[in-house]
């Protein structure tokens, strides 16, 4: 179930981030990291999974 949800949200999140930052490669890397974090950390699906992915992927690296 989570896998299907993440698979359906990934293109949406990637499109939004790519438009925001103008760098498709960087957006793709950030989305992959956010998807992995979601898969490993979600005990249950959050109320706004797309928002969670966008927030997580949109964070600047330390």
C-alpha atoms as a PDB file:
ATOM      1  CA  UNK A   1       0.000   0.000   0.000  1.00  0.00           C
ATOM      2  CA  UNK A   2       2.709   2.513   0.955  1.00  0.00           C
ATOM      3  CA  UNK A   3       4.720   1.507  -2.104  1.00  0.00           C
ATOM      4  CA  UNK A   4       1.786   2.222  -4.411  1.00  0.00           C
ATOM      5  CA  UNK A   5       1.127   5.577  -2.772  1.00  0.00           C
ATOM      6  CA  UNK A   6       4.776   6.618  -3.012  1.00  0.00           C
ATOM      7  CA  UNK A   7       4.927   5.485  -6.634  1.00  0.00           C
ATOM      8  CA  UNK A   8       1.894   7.619  -7.473  1.00  0.00           C
ATOM      9  CA  UNK A   9       3.149  10.693  -5.588  1.00  0.00           C
ATOM     10  CA  UNK A  10       6.756  10.645  -6.827  1.00  0.00           C
ATOM     11  CA  UNK A  11       6.084  12.243 -10.255  1.00  0.00           C
ATOM     12  CA  UNK A  12       3.957  14.990  -8.692  1.00  0.00           C
ATOM     13  CA  UNK A  13       6.582  15.852  -6.095  1.00  0.00           C
ATOM     14  CA  UNK A  14       9.371  15.692  -8.678  1.00  0.00           C
ATOM     15  CA  UNK A  15       7.523  18.068 -10.999  1.00  0.00           C
ATOM     16  CA  UNK A  16       6.895  20.589  -8.252  1.00  0.00           C
ATOM     17  CA  UNK A  17      10.476  20.534  -6.998  1.00  0.00           C
ATOM     18  CA  UNK A  18      11.983  20.679 -10.481  1.00  0.00           C
ATOM     19  CA  UNK A  19       9.923  23.776 -11.258  1.00  0.00           C
ATOM     20  CA  UNK A  20      10.845  25.375  -7.924  1.00  0.00           C
ATOM     21  CA  UNK A  21      14.582  24.857  -8.131  1.00  0.00           C
ATOM     22  CA  UNK A  22      15.080  24.689 -11.902  1.00  0.00           C
ATOM     23  CA  UNK A  23      17.414  21.700 -11.586  1.00  0.00           C
ATOM     24  CA  UNK A  24      15.808  18.403 -12.547  1.00  0.00           C
ATOM     25  CA  UNK A  25      18.753  16.289 -11.389  1.00  0.00           C
ATOM     26  CA  UNK A  26      18.872  17.853  -7.941  1.00  0.00           C
ATOM     27  CA  UNK A  27      15.092  17.551  -7.621  1.00  0.00           C
ATOM     28  CA  UNK A  28      15.248  13.904  -8.628  1.00  0.00           C
ATOM     29  CA  UNK A  29      17.919  13.185  -6.000  1.00  0.00           C
ATOM     30  CA  UNK A  30      15.930  14.989  -3.318  1.00  0.00           C
ATOM     31  CA  UNK A  31      12.742  13.096  -4.165  1.00  0.00           C
ATOM     32  CA  UNK A  32      14.560   9.761  -4.058  1.00  0.00           C
ATOM     33  CA  UNK A  33      15.905  10.593  -0.597  1.00  0.00           C
ATOM     34  CA  UNK A  34      12.443  11.662   0.593  1.00  0.00           C
ATOM     35  CA  UNK A  35      10.857   8.479  -0.763  1.00  0.00           C
ATOM     36  CA  UNK A  36      13.412   6.375   1.061  1.00  0.00           C
ATOM     37  CA  UNK A  37      12.851   8.332   4.278  1.00  0.00           C
ATOM     38  CA  UNK A  38       9.096   7.875   3.946  1.00  0.00           C
ATOM     39  CA  UNK A  39       9.388   4.152   3.304  1.00  0.00           C
ATOM     40  CA  UNK A  40      11.693   3.655   6.267  1.00  0.00           C
ATOM     41  CA  UNK A  41       9.970   5.987   8.736  1.00  0.00           C
ATOM     42  CA  UNK A  42       6.244   6.000   8.107  1.00  0.00           C
ATOM     43  CA  UNK A  43       4.578   3.760  10.662  1.00  0.00           C
ATOM     44  CA  UNK A  44       1.286   4.938   9.249  1.00  0.00           C
ATOM     45  CA  UNK A  45       0.577   7.188   6.306  1.00  0.00           C
ATOM     46  CA  UNK A  46       0.466  10.861   7.346  1.00  0.00           C
ATOM     47  CA  UNK A  47      -2.639  12.961   6.728  1.00  0.00           C
ATOM     48  CA  UNK A  48      -0.905  14.810   3.880  1.00  0.00           C
ATOM     49  CA  UNK A  49       1.667  12.428   2.384  1.00  0.00           C
ATOM     50  CA  UNK A  50       2.406  14.644  -0.630  1.00  0.00           C
ATOM     51  CA  UNK A  51       3.039  17.613   1.656  1.00  0.00           C
ATOM     52  CA  UNK A  52       5.306  15.482   3.827  1.00  0.00           C
ATOM     53  CA  UNK A  53       7.325  14.420   0.781  1.00  0.00           C
ATOM     54  CA  UNK A  54       7.535  17.986  -0.524  1.00  0.00           C
ATOM     55  CA  UNK A  55       8.709  19.311   2.819  1.00  0.00           C
ATOM     56  CA  UNK A  56      11.251  16.532   3.260  1.00  0.00           C
ATOM     57  CA  UNK A  57      12.574  16.709  -0.307  1.00  0.00           C
ATOM     58  CA  UNK A  58      12.685  20.502  -0.231  1.00  0.00           C
ATOM     59  CA  UNK A  59      15.050  20.691   2.706  1.00  0.00           C
ATOM     60  CA  UNK A  60      18.528  21.957   2.028  1.00  0.00           C
ATOM     61  CA  UNK A  61      21.324  19.528   2.795  1.00  0.00           C
ATOM     62  CA  UNK A  62      23.224  20.332   6.003  1.00  0.00           C
END
